[in-house]
């Protein structure tokens, strides 16, 4: 190891945890696959549980007669909230290891909560899909893997749990791995890793298990700490939706004019040529500012303020983009949507659409097809969409939006639909193609 590296984790000396990057994860799986236990084990074995929390869990476990420290109780507070009628779409948990920061979205496992899994996976870098080693690949495995594929989640980790209940069988793990490999190929998942675990006892979660010597791959946390996401963030053409125009009125900064927002694609540097859309005006980036000072470069998902070399007209909802690879100026969209409302929707419905920082009105012109989550095939069109339906639709817009296909950009290829009367979010969408 070089003298300039960190002896704990091999990162460059002086590198902070924040600089090593945030990994966004979503956990999903069927109701009884052990998701709560896995989350509890991750938190406990990575030393994220406080002493008073552990004492409470031990006391509760003993009172319930569990016979062991039930780490799944770390999430029981949320379950109790649901029982009291409080709606929690996705529960978020954060924790830190010496190598990385993590934000974990805990999505419910019931079939009727498909929309919740979509919410949690929409911004995830990694989807952790749990599979019960006794049951293998089931409908929920296919459903959640399909949603991860539709949402373009860059990395999928399948945790084959409860290996202790199949006597840590290598043959059983390899059988399930073959089924998962076939499913990934069918769905077009490019990066899938399969790890055998027993979350109840901590085997291969944080520490390597001596009960599965035949498994030589990384344990779950080791893999999560090493997943490379910077390449995912920097990929694609430069995109910067303008969220706010900053014009301080003080005498000291009366010449300052900046445009704040979150980078949606590409790597940005001072001197880059940009086109302002929809006006089409061209200029260059003068500086990229943050509260901590100016940056030499920035990429998704950093929030920054762009200053431009020329005094061109830019407003909230406009987009700064690469002139050599501009987004599509679209009046019609073909998209995959997940319908999230308990009220069905029919063709002809008028909705509001929010894409990056821009709003418009939209008409649902056609339901092209509905995905059969059992066969994963696109079924025939229906007269309406029901809660949790995933469908291909056509939308007509009241004004142009600056979009990319979702396959090219998760940030500028996604949108939400809302009910104009109630302002409720009723659908999440991924753009397949667009036309003027």
Foldseek 3Di string as FASTA:
>chain_A
DDPQADPVPRHGPPDAQVNLDEAEEEEEEAQPLCPLLLVLLLCVVLVNADPVRQVVQVVVCVVVVVVDRRSSVVCVVVVVCVVVVDDDLWDWDWDDHRQHTYIYTYGHHDPLSLVSLLVRLLPGLEYEYEAALVVADDLSNLLSLLSNLQSPNQAYEYEHEPCVVVQVDPVSQVVSVVVVVVSCVVSVRDHYHYHYYHSNVGDLSQDHDPSNPVDDDHRNVVVVSPDDCPCVFAAFWWKWAFADWDQDPDPVRNVDIWTKGFTFYHKDAFQAWKAKPPVRDIFTWHFWADPVGTDRMDTPGDITITDTPDDDDHDHRIMITHPVDFFDWFQKFWKKKFFADQDKDFFQDKWWKDARRDIWIKGFHAFQFWADSRVRDTHGGDRIDHHGIITITMIGTPGIHGADACVRTSRRQKMWIAHPVPRHTGMIIGTHDGDD
